Amino acid sequence: MTALDIAPGTVEVISAKARAAGLSSMVTVAAHDMREPLPLCDDSIDASYSHMLFCMALTAGELELLALELRRVLRPGGAGCLHSPHQR
């Protein structure tokens, strides 16, 4: 599993939780600005889960590029889940 987040504090929390669960060898965590190309190869992942990713303060063009990047790294038949909770 690869976890990406722009906030260094979040990266540290995810890393600590992976260590505590004994999963460090299975989890890669890195700081990444999602306005930049994903540090993953084409067709290299089976699934993607994005929490609040498309709720970030990004331009329409940046959101479009981000969607294309997610599509680029997903293997054919891969699954992408975008979670964007809303308030009532």
Protein backbone atom coordinates (compact mmCIF):
# COMPACT_ATOMS: atom_id res chain seq x y z
CA MET A 1 0.00 0.00 0.00
CA THR A 2 1.17 3.50 -0.77
CA ALA A 3 -0.21 6.46 1.17
CA LEU A 4 0.37 10.02 -0.06
CA ASP A 5 -0.43 13.26 1.75
CA ILE A 6 0.82 16.81 1.45
CA ALA A 7 0.92 17.40 5.23
CA PRO A 8 4.13 16.18 6.91
CA GLY A 9 2.24 15.68 10.18
CA THR A 10 -0.23 13.35 8.50
CA VAL A 11 2.59 11.40 6.89
CA GLU A 12 4.15 10.93 10.33
CA VAL A 13 0.83 9.79 11.85
CA ILE A 14 0.21 7.24 9.08
CA SER A 15 3.78 5.94 9.40
CA ALA A 16 3.44 5.60 13.18
CA LYS A 17 0.14 3.73 12.85
CA ALA A 18 1.65 1.35 10.29
CA ARG A 19 4.59 0.69 12.64
CA ALA A 20 2.27 0.14 15.62
CA ALA A 21 0.23 -2.36 13.62
CA GLY A 22 3.38 -4.18 12.46
CA LEU A 23 2.71 -3.24 8.84
CA SER A 24 5.74 -1.06 8.07
CA SER A 25 7.05 -3.52 5.50
CA MET A 26 3.72 -3.37 3.62
CA VAL A 27 3.05 0.38 3.76
CA THR A 28 4.95 3.15 1.98
CA VAL A 29 4.12 6.66 3.13
CA ALA A 30 5.32 9.84 1.44
CA ALA A 31 4.62 13.55 1.35
CA HIS A 32 3.26 14.50 -2.05
CA ASP A 33 1.63 17.56 -3.57
CA MET A 34 -1.25 16.21 -5.64
CA ARG A 35 -0.83 19.06 -8.11
CA GLU A 36 2.28 17.21 -9.27
CA PRO A 37 2.32 13.94 -11.23
CA LEU A 38 1.82 10.88 -9.03
CA PRO A 39 5.07 9.09 -8.19
CA LEU A 40 3.68 5.83 -9.55
CA CYS A 41 4.08 3.96 -12.82
CA ASP A 42 1.32 3.64 -15.40
CA ASP A 43 -1.17 0.84 -14.65
CA SER A 44 0.62 0.09 -11.38
CA ILE A 45 -2.12 0.00 -8.75
CA ASP A 46 -5.24 -2.12 -8.27
CA ALA A 47 -7.24 0.43 -6.29
CA SER A 48 -7.20 4.02 -5.13
CA TYR A 49 -9.01 5.55 -2.15
CA SER A 50 -9.07 9.33 -1.96
CA HIS A 51 -10.52 11.05 1.11
CA MET A 52 -11.54 14.67 0.48
CA LEU A 53 -9.06 14.89 -2.40
CA PHE A 54 -11.44 16.54 -4.82
CA CYS A 55 -12.59 18.98 -2.11
CA MET A 56 -9.18 20.66 -1.98
CA ALA A 57 -8.78 24.24 -3.16
CA LEU A 58 -7.69 23.32 -6.68
CA THR A 59 -8.52 24.91 -10.00
CA ALA A 60 -10.73 23.09 -12.49
CA GLY A 61 -7.63 22.39 -14.58
CA GLU A 62 -5.74 20.95 -11.60
CA LEU A 63 -8.71 18.72 -10.74
CA GLU A 64 -8.86 17.48 -14.32
CA LEU A 65 -5.13 16.67 -14.33
CA LEU A 66 -5.50 14.91 -10.98
CA ALA A 67 -8.33 12.75 -12.32
CA LEU A 68 -6.20 11.88 -15.36
CA GLU A 69 -3.28 10.96 -13.09
CA LEU A 70 -5.48 8.65 -11.02
CA ARG A 71 -6.70 7.01 -14.21
CA ARG A 72 -3.13 6.68 -15.50
CA VAL A 73 -1.89 4.73 -12.47
CA LEU A 74 -4.92 2.45 -12.10
CA ARG A 75 -4.59 -0.93 -13.80
CA PRO A 76 -7.29 -1.81 -16.32
CA GLY A 77 -10.28 -2.93 -14.27
CA GLY A 78 -8.90 -1.18 -11.18
CA ALA A 79 -11.19 0.56 -8.71
CA GLY A 80 -11.14 4.19 -7.67
CA CYS A 81 -13.07 5.40 -4.64
CA LEU A 82 -13.49 9.12 -4.03
CA HIS A 83 -14.84 9.99 -0.58
CA SER A 84 -16.16 13.51 -0.14
CA PRO A 85 -18.52 13.74 2.83
CA HIS A 86 -20.96 16.58 2.92
CA GLN A 87 -22.92 18.26 5.67
CA ARG A 88 -26.69 18.59 5.69
